[in-house]
Amino acid sequence: MRRFSEDYLRRTREGMWADSRLALSALALESRERVLDVGCGTGELSRVLEAECPGEVVGCDADSRLLSIARETVPVVAGDATRLPFADDSFDLVVCQALLINLPEPAAALREFARVSSALVAAIEPDNGAVRIDSSVPSESVLESRARRAYLEGVDTDVTLGADARAVFEAADLEPVETRRYDHDRTIEPPYGEHALAAARRKATGAGLADDRETMLAGDLSPEEYDDLRSDWREMGRDVIDQMQAGEYERTEVVPFYVTAGQV
């Protein structure tokens, strides 16, 4: 399973569910007595669950660094998604967010979720192949699409799983009861916050693309094609910074998530 930094998790999950929690309605959070958030990371989803549930919310993650932050919100336990350190039927809801897309055998994790849940299992997973970028820098959406295609070809798990999560539930012998789509919008516009400025600097230096170089080269992208892409990427980043300095840069990224619930 891929590991993620605290900064990455906060950057990608920041503001999620801030505009609407309607897609979570199938989870009946208002009636839950004990909820487990698997792969809780730094606790972004845990905070939402804690606000909506009358009962106890527990976070679980394999990364102790991330748990040290999540425990500021909820009780946490270190554990692997496929070997949860809980007895059968310990919770009435087990849920994860953007976890199954990083697992080589997502159905195995869902079977383990079902073991420790007495009622419902839910997965909130993105379709990273359907991300949409609109930017005031014309080349940004084109280059983002090129980079995403190369990344998807090289990654060894199904990072587009969200739209097809029902099939994984069925493979885990869980009966899907409902799937709802939720579009997570991340918008950058003036005045620019520190995360936006840092993202622009990473584009201009090519640092962000460098993080994914190994994965991209594992697909069909050649080293020469990667170098060309990174050169274009850095030029695009400089255009982003120029527009920021003029107060003209705007960017919207829409990531479709699918909330799938299954009855135990």
C-alpha atoms as a PDB file:
ATOM      1  CA  MET A   1       0.000   0.000   0.000  1.00  0.00           C
ATOM      2  CA  ARG A   2       1.243   3.493  -0.826  1.00  0.00           C
ATOM      3  CA  ARG A   3       2.005   5.784   2.092  1.00  0.00           C
ATOM      4  CA  PHE A   4       1.098   9.443   2.154  1.00  0.00           C
ATOM      5  CA  SER A   5       2.434  12.465   3.956  1.00  0.00           C
ATOM      6  CA  GLU A   6       0.447  14.561   6.380  1.00  0.00           C
ATOM      7  CA  ASP A   7       0.648  17.490   3.953  1.00  0.00           C
ATOM      8  CA  TYR A   8      -0.675  15.418   1.030  1.00  0.00           C
ATOM      9  CA  LEU A   9      -3.665  14.147   2.997  1.00  0.00           C
ATOM     10  CA  ARG A  10      -4.599  17.562   4.279  1.00  0.00           C
ATOM     11  CA  ARG A  11      -4.151  19.138   0.846  1.00  0.00           C
ATOM     12  CA  THR A  12      -6.281  16.575  -0.991  1.00  0.00           C
ATOM     13  CA  ARG A  13      -9.005  16.206   1.657  1.00  0.00           C
ATOM     14  CA  GLU A  14      -9.181  19.779   2.907  1.00  0.00           C
ATOM     15  CA  GLY A  15     -12.722  21.133   2.699  1.00  0.00           C
ATOM     16  CA  MET A  16     -14.289  17.844   1.662  1.00  0.00           C
ATOM     17  CA  TRP A  17     -17.904  17.602   2.886  1.00  0.00           C
ATOM     18  CA  ALA A  18     -17.863  21.316   3.781  1.00  0.00           C
ATOM     19  CA  ASP A  19     -20.565  22.208   1.261  1.00  0.00           C
ATOM     20  CA  SER A  20     -22.846  19.163   1.582  1.00  0.00           C
ATOM     21  CA  ARG A  21     -23.068  15.845   3.408  1.00  0.00           C
ATOM     22  CA  LEU A  22     -26.105  14.586   1.512  1.00  0.00           C
ATOM     23  CA  ALA A  23     -24.095  11.787  -0.115  1.00  0.00           C
ATOM     24  CA  LEU A  24     -23.470  10.358   3.371  1.00  0.00           C
ATOM     25  CA  SER A  25     -27.185   9.998   4.136  1.00  0.00           C
ATOM     26  CA  ALA A  26     -27.238   6.263   3.323  1.00  0.00           C
ATOM     27  CA  LEU A  27     -24.895   5.709   6.273  1.00  0.00           C
ATOM     28  CA  ALA A  28     -27.584   6.833   8.743  1.00  0.00           C
ATOM     29  CA  LEU A  29     -24.891   8.499  10.839  1.00  0.00           C
ATOM     30  CA  GLU A  30     -27.449  10.009  13.201  1.00  0.00           C
ATOM     31  CA  SER A  31     -28.290   6.514  14.507  1.00  0.00           C
ATOM     32  CA  ARG A  32     -24.808   5.003  14.796  1.00  0.00           C
ATOM     33  CA  GLU A  33     -23.505   3.979  18.213  1.00  0.00           C
ATOM     34  CA  ARG A  34     -19.959   2.958  17.303  1.00  0.00           C
ATOM     35  CA  VAL A  35     -18.180   3.807  14.046  1.00  0.00           C
ATOM     36  CA  LEU A  36     -14.747   2.776  12.747  1.00  0.00           C
ATOM     37  CA  ASP A  37     -12.878   4.946  10.232  1.00  0.00           C
ATOM     38  CA  VAL A  38     -10.306   2.667   8.570  1.00  0.00           C
ATOM     39  CA  GLY A  39      -7.307   4.327   6.948  1.00  0.00           C
ATOM     40  CA  CYS A  40      -8.228   7.475   8.837  1.00  0.00           C
ATOM     41  CA  GLY A  41      -4.930   9.212   8.099  1.00  0.00           C
ATOM     42  CA  THR A  42      -4.866  12.593   9.823  1.00  0.00           C
ATOM     43  CA  GLY A  43      -8.545  12.336  10.708  1.00  0.00           C
ATOM     44  CA  GLU A  44     -10.376  14.503   8.173  1.00  0.00           C
ATOM     45  CA  LEU A  45     -13.254  12.053   7.727  1.00  0.00           C
ATOM     46  CA  SER A  46     -13.136  11.155  11.425  1.00  0.00           C
ATOM     47  CA  ARG A  47     -13.968  14.770  12.268  1.00  0.00           C
ATOM     48  CA  VAL A  48     -17.012  14.682   9.978  1.00  0.00           C
ATOM     49  CA  LEU A  49     -18.197  11.395  11.469  1.00  0.00           C
ATOM     50  CA  GLU A  50     -17.640  12.659  15.009  1.00  0.00           C
ATOM     51  CA  ALA A  51     -19.763  15.725  14.259  1.00  0.00           C
ATOM     52  CA  GLU A  52     -22.613  13.681  12.764  1.00  0.00           C
ATOM     53  CA  CYS A  53     -22.694  10.597  15.022  1.00  0.00           C
ATOM     54  CA  PRO A  54     -24.162  10.507  18.540  1.00  0.00           C
ATOM     55  CA  GLY A  55     -21.953   7.553  19.438  1.00  0.00           C
ATOM     56  CA  GLU A  56     -18.220   6.878  19.505  1.00  0.00           C
ATOM     57  CA  VAL A  57     -15.969   7.214  16.462  1.00  0.00           C
ATOM     58  CA  VAL A  58     -12.652   5.342  16.376  1.00  0.00           C
ATOM     59  CA  GLY A  59      -9.883   5.910  13.852  1.00  0.00           C
ATOM     60  CA  CYS A  60      -7.573   3.177  12.578  1.00  0.00           C
ATOM     61  CA  ASP A  61      -4.474   3.492  10.398  1.00  0.00           C
ATOM     62  CA  ALA A  62      -1.217   1.633   9.838  1.00  0.00           C
ATOM     63  CA  ASP A  63       0.833   4.856   9.956  1.00  0.00           C
ATOM     64  CA  SER A  64       1.648   5.963  13.507  1.00  0.00           C
ATOM     65  CA  ARG A  65       2.785   9.410  12.280  1.00  0.00           C
ATOM     66  CA  LEU A  66      -0.673  10.151  10.920  1.00  0.00           C
ATOM     67  CA  LEU A  67      -2.417   8.681  13.956  1.00  0.00           C
ATOM     68  CA  SER A  68      -0.581  11.122  16.215  1.00  0.00           C
ATOM     69  CA  ILE A  69      -2.553  13.889  14.478  1.00  0.00           C
ATOM     70  CA  ALA A  70      -5.873  12.034  14.160  1.00  0.00           C
ATOM     71  CA  ARG A  71      -5.939  11.308  17.906  1.00  0.00           C
ATOM     72  CA  GLU A  72      -6.493  15.021  18.499  1.00  0.00           C
ATOM     73  CA  THR A  73     -10.017  14.384  17.173  1.00  0.00           C
ATOM     74  CA  VAL A  74     -10.973  10.793  18.001  1.00  0.00           C
ATOM     75  CA  PRO A  75      -9.594   7.723  19.811  1.00  0.00           C
ATOM     76  CA  VAL A  76      -7.234   5.865  17.477  1.00  0.00           C
ATOM     77  CA  VAL A  77      -5.833   2.348  17.126  1.00  0.00           C
ATOM     78  CA  ALA A  78      -2.936   1.240  14.936  1.00  0.00           C
ATOM     79  CA  GLY A  79      -3.896  -1.524  12.544  1.00  0.00           C
ATOM     80  CA  ASP A  80      -3.865  -2.932   9.037  1.00  0.00           C
ATOM     81  CA  ALA A  81      -7.048  -2.722   6.947  1.00  0.00           C
ATOM     82  CA  THR A  82      -6.925  -6.446   6.171  1.00  0.00           C
ATOM     83  CA  ARG A  83      -6.142  -7.503   9.771  1.00  0.00           C
ATOM     84  CA  LEU A  84      -8.144  -5.179  12.004  1.00  0.00           C
ATOM     85  CA  PRO A  85      -7.354  -5.435  15.731  1.00  0.00           C
ATOM     86  CA  PHE A  86     -11.007  -5.685  16.763  1.00  0.00           C
ATOM     87  CA  ALA A  87     -13.394  -8.492  17.693  1.00  0.00           C
ATOM     88  CA  ASP A  88     -16.294  -9.523  15.467  1.00  0.00           C
ATOM     89  CA  ASP A  89     -19.267  -7.120  15.437  1.00  0.00           C
ATOM     90  CA  SER A  90     -17.399  -4.406  17.364  1.00  0.00           C
ATOM     91  CA  PHE A  91     -19.017  -1.575  15.346  1.00  0.00           C
ATOM     92  CA  ASP A  92     -22.321  -0.876  13.655  1.00  0.00           C
ATOM     93  CA  LEU A  93     -20.620   1.024  10.826  1.00  0.00           C
ATOM     94  CA  VAL A  94     -17.163   0.578   9.302  1.00  0.00           C
ATOM     95  CA  VAL A  95     -16.199   3.173   6.707  1.00  0.00           C
ATOM     96  CA  CYS A  96     -13.151   4.230   4.707  1.00  0.00           C
ATOM     97  CA  GLN A  97     -12.303   7.137   2.441  1.00  0.00           C
ATOM     98  CA  ALA A  98      -9.845   6.898  -0.487  1.00  0.00           C
ATOM     99  CA  LEU A  99      -8.402   3.688   0.959  1.00  0.00           C
ATOM    100  CA  LEU A 100      -9.516   0.850  -1.345  1.00  0.00           C
ATOM    101  CA  ILE A 101      -7.946   2.558  -4.373  1.00  0.00           C
ATOM    102  CA  ASN A 102      -4.543   2.067  -2.715  1.00  0.00           C
ATOM    103  CA  LEU A 103      -4.941  -1.607  -1.844  1.00  0.00           C
ATOM    104  CA  PRO A 104      -3.922  -4.484  -4.130  1.00  0.00           C
ATOM    105  CA  GLU A 105      -6.874  -6.578  -2.879  1.00  0.00           C
ATOM    106  CA  PRO A 106      -9.687  -4.191  -1.903  1.00  0.00           C
ATOM    107  CA  ALA A 107     -12.241  -7.018  -1.510  1.00  0.00           C
ATOM    108  CA  ALA A 108     -10.068  -8.554   1.227  1.00  0.00           C
ATOM    109  CA  ALA A 109     -10.286  -5.311   3.191  1.00  0.00           C
ATOM    110  CA  LEU A 110     -14.068  -5.167   2.746  1.00  0.00           C
ATOM    111  CA  ARG A 111     -14.412  -8.715   4.057  1.00  0.00           C
ATOM    112  CA  GLU A 112     -12.469  -7.663   7.137  1.00  0.00           C
ATOM    113  CA  PHE A 113     -14.691  -4.590   7.517  1.00  0.00           C
ATOM    114  CA  ALA A 114     -17.719  -6.905   7.415  1.00  0.00           C
ATOM    115  CA  ARG A 115     -16.223  -9.102  10.111  1.00  0.00           C
ATOM    116  CA  VAL A 116     -15.983  -6.247  12.623  1.00  0.00           C
ATOM    117  CA  SER A 117     -19.294  -4.616  11.632  1.00  0.00           C
ATOM    118  CA  SER A 118     -22.673  -5.779  12.829  1.00  0.00           C
ATOM    119  CA  ALA A 119     -24.665  -3.736  10.329  1.00  0.00           C
ATOM    120  CA  LEU A 120     -23.130  -1.613   7.566  1.00  0.00           C
ATOM    121  CA  VAL A 121     -19.893  -1.221   5.615  1.00  0.00           C
ATOM    122  CA  ALA A 122     -19.239   1.842   3.464  1.00  0.00           C
ATOM    123  CA  ALA A 123     -16.490   3.020   1.124  1.00  0.00           C
ATOM    124  CA  ILE A 124     -15.999   6.582  -0.102  1.00  0.00           C
ATOM    125  CA  GLU A 125     -13.746   6.179  -3.122  1.00  0.00           C
ATOM    126  CA  PRO A 126     -12.781   8.492  -6.002  1.00  0.00           C
ATOM    127  CA  ASP A 127     -12.658   7.865  -9.719  1.00  0.00           C
ATOM    128  CA  ASN A 128      -9.287   9.457 -10.416  1.00  0.00           C
ATOM    129  CA  GLY A 129      -9.686   8.841 -14.115  1.00  0.00           C
ATOM    130  CA  ALA A 130     -12.596  11.283 -14.285  1.00  0.00           C
ATOM    131  CA  VAL A 131     -10.992  14.286 -12.554  1.00  0.00           C
ATOM    132  CA  ARG A 132     -11.749  17.594 -14.291  1.00  0.00           C
ATOM    133  CA  ILE A 133      -9.447  20.636 -14.248  1.00  0.00           C
ATOM    134  CA  ASP A 134     -10.465  24.147 -15.314  1.00  0.00           C
ATOM    135  CA  SER A 135      -7.692  26.740 -15.174  1.00  0.00           C
ATOM    136  CA  SER A 136      -6.996  30.292 -16.263  1.00  0.00           C
ATOM    137  CA  VAL A 137      -3.642  28.951 -17.522  1.00  0.00           C
ATOM    138  CA  PRO A 138      -4.727  27.139 -20.725  1.00  0.00           C
ATOM    139  CA  SER A 139      -1.904  24.588 -20.696  1.00  0.00           C
ATOM    140  CA  GLU A 140      -2.615  23.430 -17.131  1.00  0.00           C
ATOM    141  CA  SER A 141      -5.658  21.272 -17.856  1.00  0.00           C
ATOM    142  CA  VAL A 142      -3.938  19.722 -20.901  1.00  0.00           C
ATOM    143  CA  LEU A 143      -0.763  18.869 -18.990  1.00  0.00           C
ATOM    144  CA  GLU A 144      -2.703  17.616 -15.970  1.00  0.00           C
ATOM    145  CA  SER A 145      -4.559  15.240 -18.294  1.00  0.00           C
ATOM    146  CA  ARG A 146      -1.298  13.978 -19.848  1.00  0.00           C
ATOM    147  CA  ALA A 147       0.273  13.431 -16.443  1.00  0.00           C
ATOM    148  CA  ARG A 148      -2.812  11.683 -15.084  1.00  0.00           C
ATOM    149  CA  ARG A 149      -2.959   9.263 -18.024  1.00  0.00           C
ATOM    150  CA  ALA A 150       0.706   8.393 -17.559  1.00  0.00           C
ATOM    151  CA  TYR A 151       0.232   7.905 -13.824  1.00  0.00           C
ATOM    152  CA  LEU A 152      -2.832   5.685 -14.264  1.00  0.00           C
ATOM    153  CA  GLU A 153      -0.927   3.482 -16.710  1.00  0.00           C
ATOM    154  CA  GLY A 154       1.874   2.994 -14.188  1.00  0.00           C
ATOM    155  CA  VAL A 155       0.044   2.630 -10.883  1.00  0.00           C
ATOM    156  CA  ASP A 156      -0.468  -0.937  -9.656  1.00  0.00           C
ATOM    157  CA  THR A 157      -3.852  -0.497  -7.950  1.00  0.00           C
ATOM    158  CA  ASP A 158      -7.242   0.603  -9.282  1.00  0.00           C
ATOM    159  CA  VAL A 159      -7.306   4.338  -8.540  1.00  0.00           C
ATOM    160  CA  THR A 160     -10.472   4.689 -10.649  1.00  0.00           C
ATOM    161  CA  LEU A 161     -12.328   2.199  -8.456  1.00  0.00           C
ATOM    162  CA  GLY A 162     -14.930   4.612  -7.081  1.00  0.00           C
ATOM    163  CA  ALA A 163     -17.423   4.344  -9.928  1.00  0.00           C
ATOM    164  CA  ASP A 164     -17.225   0.519  -9.883  1.00  0.00           C
ATOM    165  CA  ALA A 165     -17.063  -0.055  -6.123  1.00  0.00           C
ATOM    166  CA  ARG A 166     -20.291  -2.073  -6.158  1.00  0.00           C
ATOM    167  CA  ALA A 167     -18.454  -4.879  -7.964  1.00  0.00           C
ATOM    168  CA  VAL A 168     -15.847  -4.986  -5.190  1.00  0.00           C
ATOM    169  CA  PHE A 169     -18.600  -5.126  -2.560  1.00  0.00           C
ATOM    170  CA  GLU A 170     -20.179  -8.078  -4.366  1.00  0.00           C
ATOM    171  CA  ALA A 171     -16.790  -9.812  -4.578  1.00  0.00           C
ATOM    172  CA  ALA A 172     -16.578  -9.441  -0.794  1.00  0.00           C
ATOM    173  CA  ASP A 173     -20.026 -11.016  -0.381  1.00  0.00           C
ATOM    174  CA  LEU A 174     -21.561  -7.723   0.714  1.00  0.00           C
ATOM    175  CA  GLU A 175     -24.903  -6.649  -0.681  1.00  0.00           C
ATOM    176  CA  PRO A 176     -24.615  -3.061  -1.953  1.00  0.00           C
ATOM    177  CA  VAL A 177     -27.626  -1.068  -0.803  1.00  0.00           C
ATOM    178  CA  GLU A 178     -26.864   2.317  -2.342  1.00  0.00           C
ATOM    179  CA  THR A 179     -24.241   4.326  -4.228  1.00  0.00           C
ATOM    180  CA  ARG A 180     -24.214   8.109  -4.271  1.00  0.00           C
ATOM    181  CA  ARG A 181     -21.869  10.452  -6.110  1.00  0.00           C
ATOM    182  CA  TYR A 182     -20.228  13.413  -4.445  1.00  0.00           C
ATOM    183  CA  ASP A 183     -18.089  15.895  -6.392  1.00  0.00           C
ATOM    184  CA  HIS A 184     -15.274  17.327  -4.310  1.00  0.00           C
ATOM    185  CA  ASP A 185     -14.459  20.789  -5.688  1.00  0.00           C
ATOM    186  CA  ARG A 186     -11.087  22.297  -4.879  1.00  0.00           C
ATOM    187  CA  THR A 187     -10.887  25.912  -5.993  1.00  0.00           C
ATOM    188  CA  ILE A 188      -7.932  28.303  -6.020  1.00  0.00           C
ATOM    189  CA  GLU A 189      -8.639  31.989  -6.469  1.00  0.00           C
ATOM    190  CA  PRO A 190      -7.424  35.303  -4.999  1.00  0.00           C
ATOM    191  CA  PRO A 191      -6.454  35.837  -2.233  1.00  0.00           C
ATOM    192  CA  TYR A 192      -4.105  32.877  -2.416  1.00  0.00           C
ATOM    193  CA  GLY A 193      -3.431  30.778   0.673  1.00  0.00           C
ATOM    194  CA  GLU A 194      -0.144  29.127   1.563  1.00  0.00           C
ATOM    195  CA  HIS A 195      -1.222  25.750   0.104  1.00  0.00           C
ATOM    196  CA  ALA A 196      -1.954  27.398  -3.257  1.00  0.00           C
ATOM    197  CA  LEU A 197       1.386  29.217  -3.267  1.00  0.00           C
ATOM    198  CA  ALA A 198       3.244  26.032  -2.347  1.00  0.00           C
ATOM    199  CA  ALA A 199       1.453  24.123  -5.136  1.00  0.00           C
ATOM    200  CA  ALA A 200       2.477  26.784  -7.656  1.00  0.00           C
ATOM    201  CA  ARG A 201       6.112  26.578  -6.559  1.00  0.00           C
ATOM    202  CA  ARG A 202       6.034  22.790  -6.917  1.00  0.00           C
ATOM    203  CA  LYS A 203       4.719  23.168 -10.463  1.00  0.00           C
ATOM    204  CA  ALA A 204       7.410  25.687 -11.404  1.00  0.00           C
ATOM    205  CA  THR A 205      10.210  23.468 -10.059  1.00  0.00           C
ATOM    206  CA  GLY A 206       8.698  20.242 -11.344  1.00  0.00           C
ATOM    207  CA  ALA A 207       8.833  18.791  -7.823  1.00  0.00           C
ATOM    208  CA  GLY A 208       5.259  17.519  -7.903  1.00  0.00           C
ATOM    209  CA  LEU A 209       5.823  15.616 -11.126  1.00  0.00           C
ATOM    210  CA  ALA A 210       9.135  14.278  -9.842  1.00  0.00           C
ATOM    211  CA  ASP A 211       7.314  12.566  -6.964  1.00  0.00           C
ATOM    212  CA  ASP A 212       5.417  10.438  -9.505  1.00  0.00           C
ATOM    213  CA  ARG A 213       8.305   9.791 -11.919  1.00  0.00           C
ATOM    214  CA  GLU A 214       8.810   6.155 -10.952  1.00  0.00           C
ATOM    215  CA  THR A 215       5.116   5.360 -11.318  1.00  0.00           C
ATOM    216  CA  MET A 216       4.859   7.132 -14.673  1.00  0.00           C
ATOM    217  CA  LEU A 217       7.864   5.281 -16.058  1.00  0.00           C
ATOM    218  CA  ALA A 218       6.320   1.975 -14.946  1.00  0.00           C
ATOM    219  CA  GLY A 219       3.666   2.525 -17.609  1.00  0.00           C
ATOM    220  CA  ASP A 220       4.091   3.354 -21.287  1.00  0.00           C
ATOM    221  CA  LEU A 221       5.854   6.703 -20.771  1.00  0.00           C
ATOM    222  CA  SER A 222       9.501   6.721 -21.864  1.00  0.00           C
ATOM    223  CA  PRO A 223      12.196   8.661 -19.957  1.00  0.00           C
ATOM    224  CA  GLU A 224      12.433  11.093 -22.870  1.00  0.00           C
ATOM    225  CA  GLU A 225       8.677  11.661 -22.867  1.00  0.00           C
ATOM    226  CA  TYR A 226       8.771  12.188 -19.109  1.00  0.00           C
ATOM    227  CA  ASP A 227      11.526  14.794 -19.468  1.00  0.00           C
ATOM    228  CA  ASP A 228       9.505  16.600 -22.144  1.00  0.00           C
ATOM    229  CA  LEU A 229       6.411  16.541 -19.955  1.00  0.00           C
ATOM    230  CA  ARG A 230       8.342  17.859 -16.948  1.00  0.00           C
ATOM    231  CA  SER A 231       9.820  20.678 -19.028  1.00  0.00           C
ATOM    232  CA  ASP A 232       6.342  21.703 -20.218  1.00  0.00           C
ATOM    233  CA  TRP A 233       5.066  21.293 -16.640  1.00  0.00           C
ATOM    234  CA  ARG A 234       7.673  23.696 -15.240  1.00  0.00           C
ATOM    235  CA  GLU A 235       6.869  26.273 -17.921  1.00  0.00           C
ATOM    236  CA  MET A 236       3.189  25.965 -17.029  1.00  0.00           C
ATOM    237  CA  GLY A 237       4.118  26.463 -13.368  1.00  0.00           C
ATOM    238  CA  ARG A 238       5.902  29.689 -14.198  1.00  0.00           C
ATOM    239  CA  ASP A 239       2.772  30.891 -16.009  1.00  0.00           C
ATOM    240  CA  VAL A 240       0.741  30.055 -12.896  1.00  0.00           C
ATOM    241  CA  ILE A 241       3.091  32.130 -10.737  1.00  0.00           C
ATOM    242  CA  ASP A 242       2.937  35.044 -13.197  1.00  0.00           C
ATOM    243  CA  GLN A 243      -0.864  35.018 -13.060  1.00  0.00           C
ATOM    244  CA  MET A 244      -0.783  34.788  -9.258  1.00  0.00           C
ATOM    245  CA  GLN A 245       1.454  37.825  -9.058  1.00  0.00           C
ATOM    246  CA  ALA A 246      -1.113  39.675 -11.170  1.00  0.00           C
ATOM    247  CA  GLY A 247      -3.978  38.317  -9.037  1.00  0.00           C
ATOM    248  CA  GLU A 248      -5.511  36.650 -12.100  1.00  0.00           C
ATOM    249  CA  TYR A 249      -4.963  32.943 -11.494  1.00  0.00           C
ATOM    250  CA  GLU A 250      -8.015  30.727 -10.929  1.00  0.00           C
ATOM    251  CA  ARG A 251      -8.221  26.954 -10.880  1.00  0.00           C
ATOM    252  CA  THR A 252     -10.969  24.460 -10.124  1.00  0.00           C
ATOM    253  CA  GLU A 253     -10.393  20.739  -9.719  1.00  0.00           C
ATOM    254  CA  VAL A 254     -13.402  18.433  -9.477  1.00  0.00           C
ATOM    255  CA  VAL A 255     -12.800  14.932  -8.118  1.00  0.00           C
ATOM    256  CA  PRO A 256     -15.813  12.592  -8.290  1.00  0.00           C
ATOM    257  CA  PHE A 257     -16.246  10.387  -5.223  1.00  0.00           C
ATOM    258  CA  TYR A 258     -18.716   7.536  -4.880  1.00  0.00           C
ATOM    259  CA  VAL A 259     -20.202   6.606  -1.511  1.00  0.00           C
ATOM    260  CA  THR A 260     -21.111   2.911  -1.621  1.00  0.00           C
ATOM    261  CA  ALA A 261     -22.816   1.234   1.326  1.00  0.00           C
ATOM    262  CA  GLY A 262     -23.251  -2.510   1.807  1.00  0.00           C
ATOM    263  CA  GLN A 263     -25.265  -4.519   4.281  1.00  0.00           C
ATOM    264  CA  VAL A 264     -23.446  -7.141   6.343  1.00  0.00           C
END
